[in-house]
């Protein structure tokens, strides 16, 4: 007997007005900018619909190197050109292959209130080499809105210098605390 797997639901997104309000609020937050804009880690803030609403300079530089554009409002996988998020019928986090995505699983854990750290490999459409990342996520609250502080570290650097993983994890937790108490 064959069991049919139901189609996963599409990710919900906020209205363009609400999205622009979130982005404007974060980009005008002087404390947030002073804490994360020039951090060496790739830092994103995601809204509760998993859309990018803030990206720091290191992340934008990585994206520029990968020749990506149109950061804000996109899902992480959609923005990075993940092979699984590129289907017009689906969106990031809704394909069967996504159940094993470390980035998605870390983000989902933080949406449920937990701090998370997961390894992930993002196979990008049209690119030969996938991204190997460690994703650290922490739920935070800024100006009465909930976000997921999402930090990416190149897994190849972690493998070469394993002690740096603990350093990054500590730095991200400290950063989240400073953002929320500011």
Protein backbone atom coordinates (compact mmCIF):
# COMPACT_ATOMS: atom_id res chain seq x y z
CA UNK A 1 0.00 0.00 0.00
CA UNK A 2 1.40 3.39 -1.00
CA UNK A 3 1.07 6.26 1.44
CA UNK A 4 0.85 9.67 -0.14
CA UNK A 5 2.79 12.43 1.56
CA UNK A 6 0.76 15.66 1.64
CA UNK A 7 2.22 18.69 -0.05
CA UNK A 8 4.00 20.92 2.48
CA UNK A 9 2.38 24.32 2.96
CA UNK A 10 3.82 27.41 1.33
CA UNK A 11 5.65 29.73 3.68
CA UNK A 12 3.55 32.68 4.71
CA UNK A 13 4.88 36.17 4.13
CA UNK A 14 3.91 39.54 5.56
CA UNK A 15 2.44 42.32 3.47
CA UNK A 16 4.87 44.62 1.69
CA UNK A 17 3.79 47.47 3.98
CA UNK A 18 4.51 45.48 7.13
CA UNK A 19 7.79 44.21 5.68
CA UNK A 20 8.92 47.76 4.80
CA UNK A 21 7.98 48.95 8.29
CA UNK A 22 10.10 46.17 9.86
CA UNK A 23 13.07 46.94 7.61
CA UNK A 24 12.85 50.69 8.22
CA UNK A 25 12.57 50.20 11.99
CA UNK A 26 15.65 47.98 12.10
CA UNK A 27 17.73 50.14 9.75
CA UNK A 28 17.02 53.20 11.90
CA UNK A 29 17.92 51.41 15.15
CA UNK A 30 21.27 53.02 16.01
CA UNK A 31 22.04 50.54 18.79
CA UNK A 32 21.42 47.53 16.55
CA UNK A 33 23.55 49.05 13.81
CA UNK A 34 26.42 49.85 16.18
CA UNK A 35 26.42 46.30 17.53
CA UNK A 36 26.14 44.21 14.36
CA UNK A 37 26.81 46.26 11.24
CA UNK A 38 30.56 45.64 11.30
CA UNK A 39 30.63 42.28 13.09
CA UNK A 40 32.88 39.80 11.26
CA UNK A 41 30.16 37.13 11.27
CA UNK A 42 27.40 37.04 8.67
CA UNK A 43 24.42 38.40 10.63
CA UNK A 44 20.77 38.41 9.59
CA UNK A 45 17.55 39.22 11.33
CA UNK A 46 14.56 37.22 10.14
CA UNK A 47 10.96 38.08 10.92
CA UNK A 48 8.67 35.36 12.23
CA UNK A 49 7.75 34.46 8.64
CA UNK A 50 11.47 33.69 8.02
CA UNK A 51 11.94 36.69 5.71
CA UNK A 52 15.22 38.65 5.79
CA UNK A 53 14.60 42.07 7.33
CA UNK A 54 18.19 43.03 8.21
CA UNK A 55 21.63 42.00 6.95
CA UNK A 56 24.98 43.29 8.17
CA UNK A 57 27.94 44.38 6.04
CA UNK A 58 29.72 40.99 6.23
CA UNK A 59 26.63 39.17 5.00
CA UNK A 60 26.04 41.67 2.21
CA UNK A 61 29.70 41.36 1.16
CA UNK A 62 29.35 37.57 0.97
CA UNK A 63 26.15 37.99 -1.04
CA UNK A 64 27.90 40.41 -3.38
CA UNK A 65 30.72 37.90 -3.90
CA UNK A 66 28.08 35.32 -4.81
CA UNK A 67 26.49 37.90 -7.15
CA UNK A 68 23.19 37.94 -5.27
CA UNK A 69 20.86 40.90 -4.96
CA UNK A 70 17.46 41.80 -3.55
CA UNK A 71 18.17 40.71 0.02
CA UNK A 72 15.23 42.06 1.99
CA UNK A 73 11.93 40.23 2.10
CA UNK A 74 13.31 36.97 0.79
CA UNK A 75 13.71 33.70 2.61
CA UNK A 76 17.24 32.57 3.30
CA UNK A 77 17.12 29.70 0.80
CA UNK A 78 15.34 31.80 -1.79
CA UNK A 79 17.94 34.53 -1.47
CA UNK A 80 20.94 32.20 -1.62
CA UNK A 81 19.48 30.39 -4.61
CA UNK A 82 19.12 27.08 -2.80
CA UNK A 83 18.32 24.38 -5.30
CA UNK A 84 15.32 23.27 -3.20
CA UNK A 85 13.87 26.78 -2.82
CA UNK A 86 14.02 27.63 -6.51
CA UNK A 87 10.90 25.71 -7.52
CA UNK A 88 8.17 28.16 -8.50
CA UNK A 89 5.58 25.88 -6.88
CA UNK A 90 7.30 25.83 -3.50
CA UNK A 91 9.28 28.15 -1.30
CA UNK A 92 12.17 27.86 1.12
CA UNK A 93 11.47 25.35 3.84
CA UNK A 94 8.48 23.70 2.19
CA UNK A 95 10.07 20.94 0.06
CA UNK A 96 10.54 17.39 1.37
CA UNK A 97 14.33 17.85 1.13
CA UNK A 98 14.08 20.82 3.51
CA UNK A 99 13.34 18.60 6.51
CA UNK A 100 17.08 17.89 6.74
CA UNK A 101 18.22 21.51 6.27
CA UNK A 102 20.27 22.58 9.28
CA UNK A 103 19.59 26.28 8.71
CA UNK A 104 15.84 25.76 8.51
CA UNK A 105 15.80 23.49 11.57
CA UNK A 106 17.79 26.01 13.62
CA UNK A 107 15.44 28.82 12.57
CA UNK A 108 12.37 26.71 13.42
CA UNK A 109 13.78 25.92 16.87
CA UNK A 110 14.28 29.62 17.52
CA UNK A 111 10.76 30.39 16.30
CA UNK A 112 9.72 28.08 19.14
CA UNK A 113 11.85 30.04 21.63
CA UNK A 114 15.05 28.00 21.70
CA UNK A 115 18.65 28.87 20.95
CA UNK A 116 19.97 26.58 18.21
CA UNK A 117 23.12 25.71 16.31
CA UNK A 118 23.12 23.44 13.26
CA UNK A 119 25.41 22.61 10.37
CA UNK A 120 23.99 22.95 6.90
CA UNK A 121 24.99 22.57 3.30
CA UNK A 122 23.22 24.81 0.83
CA UNK A 123 23.42 23.61 -2.75
CA UNK A 124 22.96 26.70 -4.86
CA UNK A 125 21.32 26.49 -8.25
CA UNK A 126 23.85 27.09 -11.02
CA UNK A 127 26.84 27.04 -8.64
CA UNK A 128 29.32 24.21 -8.54
CA UNK A 129 30.38 24.40 -4.90
CA UNK A 130 27.76 24.34 -2.14
CA UNK A 131 27.98 26.56 0.93
CA UNK A 132 28.99 24.70 4.09
CA UNK A 133 27.79 26.72 7.06
CA UNK A 134 27.20 26.56 10.77
CA UNK A 135 23.96 28.39 11.58
CA UNK A 136 23.45 29.90 15.03
CA UNK A 137 19.97 31.24 15.85
CA UNK A 138 18.53 33.05 18.85
CA UNK A 139 15.02 34.45 19.27
CA UNK A 140 15.15 38.15 20.17
CA UNK A 141 12.71 40.98 20.70
CA UNK A 142 13.34 44.47 19.32
CA UNK A 143 10.85 47.32 19.70
CA UNK A 144 7.98 44.99 20.61
CA UNK A 145 8.57 42.71 17.59
CA UNK A 146 9.97 39.20 17.53
CA UNK A 147 12.90 38.29 15.29
CA UNK A 148 15.39 35.50 14.84
CA UNK A 149 19.01 36.60 15.11
CA UNK A 150 20.71 34.34 12.57
CA UNK A 151 24.47 34.11 12.24
CA UNK A 152 26.38 32.08 9.68
CA UNK A 153 29.93 30.90 10.03
CA UNK A 154 31.89 29.16 7.29
CA UNK A 155 32.05 25.50 8.36
CA UNK A 156 35.42 25.09 6.64
CA UNK A 157 36.92 27.60 9.10
CA UNK A 158 35.34 25.72 12.01
CA UNK A 159 36.83 22.44 10.82
CA UNK A 160 40.26 24.05 10.51
CA UNK A 161 39.99 25.86 13.87
CA UNK A 162 37.47 23.92 16.03
CA UNK A 163 37.86 26.23 19.05
CA UNK A 164 36.32 29.07 17.06
CA UNK A 165 32.87 27.44 17.15
CA UNK A 166 32.60 28.03 20.91
CA UNK A 167 33.90 31.57 20.44
CA UNK A 168 31.29 32.32 17.80
CA UNK A 169 28.49 30.79 19.87
CA UNK A 170 29.48 32.88 22.89
CA UNK A 171 29.75 36.05 20.80
CA UNK A 172 26.31 35.51 19.27
CA UNK A 173 24.67 34.95 22.66
CA UNK A 174 26.38 38.05 24.04
CA UNK A 175 25.29 40.02 20.98
CA UNK A 176 21.67 38.90 21.37
CA UNK A 177 21.68 39.96 25.02
CA UNK A 178 23.09 43.39 24.18
CA UNK A 179 20.57 43.96 21.39
CA UNK A 180 17.62 43.11 23.63
CA UNK A 181 18.77 45.19 26.61
CA UNK A 182 19.59 48.23 24.50
